[in-house]
Amino acid sequence: MDTSELLQRYAAAERDFAQINLSGVVLQQANLVSANLKGANLSHSDLRESRFGQSILIAANLTQANLSETLLWGTDLSEANLQNAQLREADLSGAKLIQANLQAANLAKASLCGANLTRANLQNAILFEADLRSTSDQRTDLGYADLQFADLSYVALSGAILRGANLTGAKLCRASLEVRGLDKSYITNLSEANLQGADLSYANLTGANLQKANLKNADLTRTLLTDANLTGATLPDGSVHP
């Protein structure tokens, strides 16, 4: 199936395109809202500015695909392969990315508010100025996600769940992880997170939960930790906070 046939069938109200092979296609500004693309091969495809809101892309192959400025709100991308994908300024609000592979993906300035990234692989991903704040009805979940050496500079993570996340060597310079007008159940949760060697310089962690977190060798230059819970946390010098 080529792109013309796909769009014709979609226009005729067909929505099931599971396992379709469209590797390397150019499909810019396409409208595929609520489509079933489970297991589809869209690797190396140019999907810029397309609309996939509420679509199913479970286990889809999107390696090295260009999804910049694409609308993916509420889309299910669980177990999808997005390694080296371009997602700059993409809208992934409320998307499911459970166990997705986002290794070395570019998510700069992307919106991931309320997204579920539980156990996702974000090693070496770029999330510069990305918005991962929790919403009033859904928390952004990065629990146990692999964010080793990821660039999270200037990222907004207020109210997010990062329990047990691996942030070894990650860049969180000037990141916002403080509580902003949300109730106490929405405190940014970094409990048991591994922040060893992470750059948290000038980051705002006011009120954050860092219980049993590992901050050994982390850079806390001008980091705001007012009212943060550091009970049992390993501090940069290797000592354990009481």
Protein backbone atom coordinates (compact mmCIF):
# COMPACT_ATOMS: atom_id res chain seq x y z
CA MET A 1 0.00 0.00 0.00
CA ASP A 2 1.33 3.44 -0.90
CA THR A 3 0.46 6.75 0.76
CA SER A 4 -2.20 7.67 -1.82
CA GLU A 5 -4.10 4.44 -1.21
CA LEU A 6 -3.76 4.86 2.55
CA LEU A 7 -5.24 8.34 2.49
CA GLN A 8 -8.01 7.31 0.10
CA ARG A 9 -9.03 4.43 2.34
CA TYR A 10 -8.88 6.65 5.41
CA ALA A 11 -11.09 9.22 3.65
CA ALA A 12 -13.55 6.36 2.98
CA ALA A 13 -13.81 5.84 6.77
CA GLU A 14 -11.41 2.87 7.02
CA ARG A 15 -9.32 3.04 10.19
CA ASP A 16 -7.60 -0.35 10.52
CA PHE A 17 -4.10 -0.23 9.05
CA ALA A 18 -2.36 -2.58 11.48
CA GLN A 19 0.99 -4.00 10.35
CA ILE A 20 1.13 -1.70 7.31
CA ASN A 21 4.58 -1.18 5.78
CA LEU A 22 5.24 2.45 4.89
CA SER A 23 8.94 2.60 5.60
CA GLY A 24 10.60 5.67 4.13
CA VAL A 25 7.41 7.38 2.94
CA VAL A 26 6.75 11.11 2.83
CA LEU A 27 3.46 11.79 4.58
CA GLN A 28 3.60 15.39 5.72
CA GLN A 29 0.53 17.17 7.13
CA ALA A 30 -1.59 14.02 6.82
CA ASN A 31 -4.74 13.50 8.87
CA LEU A 32 -4.82 10.02 10.44
CA VAL A 33 -6.64 10.74 13.68
CA SER A 34 -7.92 7.62 15.50
CA ALA A 35 -6.22 5.24 13.05
CA ASN A 36 -5.10 1.75 14.05
CA LEU A 37 -1.43 1.51 13.09
CA LYS A 38 -0.47 -1.19 15.57
CA GLY A 39 2.80 -2.84 14.53
CA ALA A 40 3.13 -0.57 11.48
CA ASN A 41 6.53 0.01 9.92
CA LEU A 42 7.02 3.76 9.56
CA SER A 43 10.77 3.79 10.01
CA HIS A 44 12.69 6.56 8.21
CA SER A 45 9.37 8.18 7.24
CA ASP A 46 8.75 11.92 7.00
CA LEU A 47 5.60 12.51 9.04
CA ARG A 48 6.10 16.15 9.91
CA GLU A 49 3.06 18.17 10.99
CA SER A 50 0.74 15.17 10.59
CA ARG A 51 -2.18 14.44 12.93
CA PHE A 52 -2.26 11.08 14.71
CA GLY A 53 -4.29 12.08 17.77
CA GLN A 54 -5.95 9.16 19.60
CA SER A 55 -4.36 6.69 17.19
CA ILE A 56 -2.97 3.26 18.08
CA LEU A 57 0.73 2.87 17.35
CA ILE A 58 1.51 0.07 19.78
CA ALA A 59 4.77 -1.69 18.87
CA ALA A 60 5.09 0.45 15.73
CA ASN A 61 8.53 0.89 14.15
CA LEU A 62 9.28 4.62 13.98
CA THR A 63 13.06 4.47 14.10
CA GLN A 64 14.61 7.59 12.58
CA ALA A 65 11.17 8.86 11.58
CA ASN A 66 10.65 12.62 11.44
CA LEU A 67 7.64 13.48 13.62
CA SER A 68 8.53 17.10 14.26
CA GLU A 69 5.47 19.26 15.09
CA THR A 70 3.26 16.17 14.74
CA LEU A 71 0.08 15.91 16.81
CA LEU A 72 0.18 12.69 18.83
CA TRP A 73 -2.02 13.65 21.77
CA GLY A 74 -3.64 10.69 23.48
CA THR A 75 -1.89 8.28 21.10
CA ASP A 76 -0.89 4.81 22.35
CA LEU A 77 2.79 4.32 21.51
CA SER A 78 3.44 1.61 24.09
CA GLU A 79 6.44 -0.56 23.15
CA ALA A 80 6.93 1.50 19.98
CA ASN A 81 10.47 1.90 18.65
CA LEU A 82 11.26 5.61 18.31
CA GLN A 83 15.03 5.32 18.47
CA ASN A 84 16.71 8.35 16.88
CA ALA A 85 13.30 9.75 15.92
CA GLN A 86 12.78 13.49 15.50
CA LEU A 87 9.94 14.66 17.75
CA ARG A 88 10.87 18.30 18.08
CA GLU A 89 7.84 20.39 19.16
CA ALA A 90 5.57 17.35 18.84
CA ASP A 91 2.38 17.22 20.92
CA LEU A 92 2.41 14.00 22.96
CA SER A 93 0.08 15.25 25.68
CA GLY A 94 -1.61 12.34 27.43
CA ALA A 95 0.14 9.81 25.17
CA LYS A 96 1.02 6.31 26.34
CA LEU A 97 4.70 5.53 25.84
CA ILE A 98 4.96 2.61 28.25
CA GLN A 99 8.20 0.69 27.60
CA ALA A 100 8.72 2.68 24.40
CA ASN A 101 12.24 2.97 22.99
CA LEU A 102 13.10 6.66 22.71
CA GLN A 103 16.85 6.20 22.85
CA ALA A 104 18.62 9.24 21.34
CA ALA A 105 15.28 10.69 20.21
CA ASN A 106 15.00 14.46 19.85
CA LEU A 107 12.08 15.70 21.97
CA ALA A 108 13.23 19.30 22.28
CA LYS A 109 10.30 21.62 23.11
CA ALA A 110 7.86 18.70 22.84
CA SER A 111 4.72 18.64 24.98
CA LEU A 112 4.43 15.49 27.09
CA CYS A 113 2.04 16.79 29.73
CA GLY A 114 0.25 13.90 31.40
CA ALA A 115 2.08 11.32 29.26
CA ASN A 116 2.79 7.83 30.59
CA LEU A 117 6.45 6.95 30.03
CA THR A 118 6.71 4.17 32.59
CA ARG A 119 9.86 2.10 31.98
CA ALA A 120 10.52 3.92 28.70
CA ASN A 121 14.10 3.99 27.37
CA LEU A 122 15.20 7.61 27.01
CA GLN A 123 18.96 7.11 27.13
CA ASN A 124 20.76 10.03 25.48
CA ALA A 125 17.44 11.56 24.46
CA ILE A 126 17.19 15.33 24.01
CA LEU A 127 14.34 16.88 26.00
CA PHE A 128 15.60 20.46 26.05
CA GLU A 129 12.73 22.79 27.10
CA ALA A 130 10.23 19.92 26.86
CA ASP A 131 7.03 20.26 28.89
CA LEU A 132 6.39 17.21 31.09
CA ARG A 133 4.23 18.84 33.74
CA SER A 134 1.34 16.90 35.18
CA THR A 135 -2.11 18.11 34.25
CA SER A 136 -5.04 18.63 36.61
CA ASP A 137 -6.44 15.19 35.75
CA GLN A 138 -3.38 13.16 34.74
CA ARG A 139 0.16 12.95 36.06
CA THR A 140 3.18 12.61 33.83
CA ASP A 141 4.66 9.23 34.71
CA LEU A 142 8.36 8.49 34.17
CA GLY A 143 8.54 5.85 36.86
CA TYR A 144 11.57 3.56 36.42
CA ALA A 145 12.31 5.15 33.04
CA ASP A 146 15.89 5.01 31.76
CA LEU A 147 17.06 8.61 31.30
CA GLN A 148 20.81 8.03 31.51
CA PHE A 149 22.74 10.97 30.05
CA ALA A 150 19.52 12.52 28.70
CA ASP A 151 19.43 16.28 28.18
CA LEU A 152 16.61 17.64 30.34
CA SER A 153 17.92 21.19 30.56
CA TYR A 154 15.17 23.77 31.19
CA VAL A 155 12.57 20.98 31.19
CA ALA A 156 9.27 21.43 33.08
CA LEU A 157 8.61 18.41 35.31
CA SER A 158 6.40 19.88 38.02
CA GLY A 159 4.26 17.18 39.62
CA ALA A 160 5.79 14.37 37.54
CA ILE A 161 6.43 10.83 38.82
CA LEU A 162 10.10 9.86 38.49
CA ARG A 163 10.17 7.19 41.17
CA GLY A 164 13.07 4.81 40.59
CA ALA A 165 14.05 6.54 37.35
CA ASN A 166 17.66 6.20 36.19
CA LEU A 167 18.97 9.73 35.64
CA THR A 168 22.66 8.88 35.88
CA GLY A 169 24.66 11.64 34.22
CA ALA A 170 21.52 13.42 33.04
CA LYS A 171 21.51 17.17 32.44
CA LEU A 172 18.79 18.88 34.48
CA CYS A 173 20.31 22.34 34.50
CA ARG A 174 17.60 24.92 35.34
CA ALA A 175 14.90 22.25 35.24
CA SER A 176 11.62 23.04 37.02
CA LEU A 177 10.58 20.22 39.36
CA GLU A 178 8.83 22.28 42.01
CA VAL A 179 5.18 22.14 43.01
CA ARG A 180 3.17 24.83 41.24
CA GLY A 181 -0.28 25.28 42.66
CA LEU A 182 -1.01 21.55 42.60
CA ASP A 183 -2.23 19.65 45.66
CA LYS A 184 0.24 17.71 47.78
CA SER A 185 -0.50 14.44 46.00
CA TYR A 186 1.13 16.04 42.95
CA ILE A 187 4.51 16.65 44.55
CA THR A 188 7.29 15.82 42.09
CA ASN A 189 8.33 12.29 43.04
CA LEU A 190 12.02 11.43 42.66
CA SER A 191 12.07 8.86 45.43
CA GLU A 192 14.65 6.11 44.87
CA ALA A 193 15.73 7.80 41.63
CA ASN A 194 19.36 7.44 40.57
CA LEU A 195 20.76 10.93 40.01
CA GLN A 196 24.39 9.95 40.36
CA GLY A 197 26.59 12.44 38.52
CA ALA A 198 23.55 14.38 37.26
CA ASP A 199 23.76 18.12 36.58
CA LEU A 200 21.07 19.74 38.74
CA SER A 201 22.68 23.16 38.77
CA TYR A 202 20.16 25.99 39.15
CA ALA A 203 17.29 23.45 39.09
CA ASN A 204 14.23 24.09 41.23
CA LEU A 205 13.36 21.10 43.43
CA THR A 206 11.31 23.03 45.98
CA GLY A 207 9.06 20.60 47.84
CA ALA A 208 10.17 17.60 45.76
CA ASN A 209 10.27 14.07 47.17
CA LEU A 210 13.85 12.76 47.02
CA GLN A 211 13.55 10.02 49.62
CA LYS A 212 16.30 7.42 49.16
CA ALA A 213 17.43 9.09 45.93
CA ASN A 214 21.07 8.72 44.90
CA LEU A 215 22.67 12.15 44.44
CA LYS A 216 26.26 11.01 44.70
CA ASN A 217 28.57 13.30 42.68
CA ALA A 218 25.56 15.30 41.46
CA ASP A 219 26.09 18.99 40.71
CA LEU A 220 23.82 20.95 43.08
CA THR A 221 25.23 24.38 42.34
CA ARG A 222 22.52 26.93 43.23
CA THR A 223 19.92 24.14 43.27
CA LEU A 224 16.75 25.08 45.16
CA LEU A 225 15.87 22.35 47.65
CA THR A 226 13.57 24.29 49.99
CA ASP A 227 11.17 21.89 51.76
CA ALA A 228 12.45 18.96 49.67
CA ASN A 229 12.26 15.56 51.35
CA LEU A 230 15.79 14.12 51.41
CA THR A 231 15.18 11.41 53.99
CA GLY A 232 17.60 8.54 53.35
CA ALA A 233 19.01 10.21 50.23
CA THR A 234 22.67 9.74 49.32
CA LEU A 235 24.17 13.23 49.06
CA PRO A 236 26.85 14.38 46.59
CA ASP A 237 29.65 13.68 49.09
CA GLY A 238 28.43 10.11 49.61
CA SER A 239 26.91 10.70 53.03
CA VAL A 240 23.33 9.67 53.74
CA HIS A 241 20.80 12.27 54.84
CA PRO A 242 19.10 11.26 58.08
